[in-house]
Amino acid sequence: MNFLIDFLKNNESYLDMISGLKSNNVPIYCNGLIKESLFHLIYSIFNDLPDKNLVLLVENENRANELCDELKSLVGDKVVVYPNFEIRFHNINSLETNLENIRIEIMNRLLSKEKFIIITTASALSKKMFHKIQDIYNSLNNKAIKSLIFIYVSIT
C-alpha cells in the first residue's frame, strides 16, 4: 500500500506539514483534496507520526462511519468512531449503555497509549459524559492529551 503514498515523502508541503505536526504547531489547513486522496493522506500522517493519535473531526455521524469504513481498509482496527449520544425513544436505556461502553473503551485505549485514529463530530465531543466516563477522562494525564492531533475533515 505504500506505493500510494510514496510521492508524499518527497513533497515539500507535506514534509512541512509533518514537521509542524511533530512540533505541535497545529491546526494545519489542507485544501484542494479530493475524497479519494483524503484516505491516503490520513494514512500517511498516521504512519509518519508514531507517537501521536489522530482525531478526525467530521460534519456528521454518517460521514464519520463512512470515513471509518474506508480507513479500516488501510489501518485495520486502528480506527474507531467516537459516537454521539442520539436520543431514540424505543429501547433508550440499551442504546445509551452501548454508546457509553464504546466511549469508555476509546478512553481506555487512550490511557493505554495505543496508537489509533478517532473519528468524531463536534456534537459528540460537546455532549456531557456520564460519571464513569468523566472519571476516566479526568484520569487522562497531560501526556495522553498532548499525544492527540485534531484534524478537521471537510470535502466539498
Protein backbone atom coordinates (compact mmCIF):
# COMPACT_ATOMS: atom_id res chain seq x y z
CA MET A 1 0.00 0.00 0.00
CA ASN A 2 2.97 2.34 0.46
CA PHE A 3 3.25 2.94 -3.28
CA LEU A 4 0.10 5.08 -2.96
CA ILE A 5 1.79 7.44 -0.52
CA ASP A 6 5.44 7.30 -1.60
CA PHE A 7 5.09 10.51 -3.60
CA LEU A 8 4.23 12.38 -0.38
CA LYS A 9 7.65 11.58 1.10
CA ASN A 10 9.26 13.93 -1.43
CA ASN A 11 6.57 16.63 -1.38
CA GLU A 12 7.81 19.81 0.31
CA SER A 13 4.35 20.90 1.50
CA TYR A 14 3.68 17.50 3.05
CA LEU A 15 7.07 17.41 4.76
CA ASP A 16 6.44 20.92 6.17
CA MET A 17 3.06 19.78 7.46
CA ILE A 18 4.55 16.72 9.18
CA SER A 19 7.28 18.86 10.69
CA GLY A 20 4.65 21.25 12.04
CA LEU A 21 2.59 18.40 13.48
CA LYS A 22 5.65 16.89 15.17
CA SER A 23 6.35 20.22 16.85
CA ASN A 24 2.67 20.60 17.88
CA ASN A 25 2.22 23.54 15.51
CA VAL A 26 -1.46 22.91 14.91
CA PRO A 27 -4.01 23.27 13.42
CA ILE A 28 -2.97 22.78 9.84
CA TYR A 29 -5.35 23.52 6.99
CA CYS A 30 -5.22 21.40 3.83
CA ASN A 31 -7.27 22.37 0.83
CA GLY A 32 -7.62 21.03 -2.68
CA LEU A 33 -8.05 17.42 -1.59
CA ILE A 34 -10.36 15.11 -3.41
CA LYS A 35 -12.26 12.49 -1.46
CA GLU A 36 -10.13 9.62 -2.77
CA SER A 37 -6.84 11.25 -1.74
CA LEU A 38 -8.01 12.03 1.79
CA PHE A 39 -7.70 8.43 2.98
CA HIS A 40 -4.13 8.14 1.75
CA LEU A 41 -3.16 11.46 3.32
CA ILE A 42 -4.58 10.43 6.70
CA TYR A 43 -2.88 7.03 6.41
CA SER A 44 0.43 8.70 5.64
CA ILE A 45 0.12 11.19 8.53
CA PHE A 46 -0.79 8.33 10.86
CA ASN A 47 2.34 6.40 9.84
CA ASP A 48 4.67 9.41 9.91
CA LEU A 49 3.69 10.43 13.45
CA PRO A 50 4.50 7.31 15.50
CA ASP A 51 3.85 8.93 18.89
CA LYS A 52 0.59 10.72 18.02
CA ASN A 53 -3.03 9.68 17.76
CA LEU A 54 -5.22 11.38 15.18
CA VAL A 55 -8.65 12.80 15.98
CA LEU A 56 -10.60 13.49 12.81
CA LEU A 57 -13.48 15.91 13.24
CA VAL A 58 -16.20 15.47 10.61
CA GLU A 59 -19.54 17.18 9.98
CA ASN A 60 -21.90 14.32 10.89
CA GLU A 61 -22.05 10.77 12.16
CA ASN A 62 -22.79 9.33 8.70
CA ARG A 63 -19.59 10.89 7.38
CA ALA A 64 -17.71 9.54 10.42
CA ASN A 65 -18.89 6.00 9.75
CA GLU A 66 -18.11 6.30 6.02
CA LEU A 67 -14.60 7.57 6.71
CA CYS A 68 -14.04 4.85 9.31
CA ASP A 69 -15.06 2.13 6.85
CA GLU A 70 -12.66 3.48 4.22
CA LEU A 71 -9.76 3.83 6.65
CA LYS A 72 -10.26 0.30 8.00
CA SER A 73 -9.06 -1.00 4.64
CA LEU A 74 -5.76 0.85 5.26
CA VAL A 75 -5.20 0.62 9.03
CA GLY A 76 -7.45 -2.23 10.15
CA ASP A 77 -8.78 -1.96 13.70
CA LYS A 78 -6.64 1.11 14.40
CA VAL A 79 -9.60 3.38 13.61
CA VAL A 80 -12.76 3.97 15.67
CA VAL A 81 -15.78 6.26 15.69
CA TYR A 82 -16.34 8.17 18.94
CA PRO A 83 -20.15 8.10 18.94
CA ASN A 84 -22.67 10.81 19.58
CA PHE A 85 -25.49 10.16 22.02
CA GLU A 86 -28.63 10.02 19.92
CA ILE A 87 -31.95 10.07 21.68
CA ARG A 88 -34.29 7.40 20.42
CA PHE A 89 -37.49 6.64 22.23
CA HIS A 90 -37.51 2.88 21.79
CA ASN A 91 -35.03 0.89 23.84
CA ILE A 92 -33.32 4.09 25.04
CA ASN A 93 -31.56 2.52 28.05
CA SER A 94 -29.89 -0.16 25.97
CA LEU A 95 -28.72 2.34 23.35
CA GLU A 96 -27.26 4.77 25.89
CA THR A 97 -25.44 1.98 27.72
CA ASN A 98 -23.95 0.66 24.47
CA LEU A 99 -22.73 4.13 23.41
CA GLU A 100 -21.35 4.75 26.88
CA ASN A 101 -19.43 1.47 26.71
CA ILE A 102 -17.95 2.40 23.33
CA ARG A 103 -16.83 5.78 24.69
CA ILE A 104 -15.28 4.12 27.76
CA GLU A 105 -13.43 1.64 25.54
CA ILE A 106 -11.99 4.51 23.47
CA MET A 107 -10.88 6.35 26.62
CA ASN A 108 -9.22 3.15 27.88
CA ARG A 109 -7.36 2.80 24.58
CA LEU A 110 -6.08 6.37 25.01
CA LEU A 111 -4.95 5.60 28.55
CA SER A 112 -3.10 2.50 27.38
CA LYS A 113 -1.18 4.71 24.91
CA GLU A 114 -2.32 2.57 21.98
CA LYS A 115 -1.85 4.36 18.66
CA PHE A 116 -5.09 4.72 16.70
CA ILE A 117 -7.36 7.13 14.83
CA ILE A 118 -10.53 8.54 16.39
CA ILE A 119 -13.23 9.90 14.10
CA THR A 120 -15.92 12.02 15.70
CA THR A 121 -18.22 15.01 15.35
CA ALA A 122 -18.27 18.31 17.22
CA SER A 123 -21.63 17.28 18.61
CA ALA A 124 -20.19 14.07 20.08
CA LEU A 125 -17.32 15.96 21.71
CA SER A 126 -19.68 18.51 23.23
CA LYS A 127 -22.03 16.01 24.87
CA LYS A 128 -21.81 15.71 28.63
CA MET A 129 -20.27 12.44 29.66
CA PHE A 130 -21.73 10.10 32.22
CA HIS A 131 -19.95 9.80 35.56
CA LYS A 132 -17.96 6.65 34.70
CA ILE A 133 -16.67 8.24 31.50
CA GLN A 134 -15.93 11.52 33.29
CA ASP A 135 -13.76 9.66 35.82
CA ILE A 136 -11.76 8.03 33.01
CA TYR A 137 -11.46 11.32 31.15
CA ASN A 138 -10.24 13.08 34.30
CA SER A 139 -7.58 10.41 34.74
CA LEU A 140 -6.08 11.16 31.32
CA ASN A 141 -2.79 12.87 32.03
CA ASN A 142 -1.34 15.75 30.05
CA LYS A 143 0.90 13.38 28.08
CA ALA A 144 -2.13 11.46 26.77
CA ILE A 145 -3.86 14.71 25.79
CA LYS A 146 -0.71 16.01 24.08
CA SER A 147 -0.49 12.83 22.01
CA LEU A 148 -3.65 13.80 20.12
CA ILE A 149 -3.65 15.60 16.77
CA PHE A 150 -7.00 17.12 15.79
CA ILE A 151 -7.77 17.37 12.07
CA TYR A 152 -10.98 18.85 10.70
CA VAL A 153 -12.06 16.89 7.63
CA SER A 154 -14.33 18.50 5.06
CA ILE A 155 -14.72 17.50 1.44
CA THR A 156 -16.63 19.78 -0.87
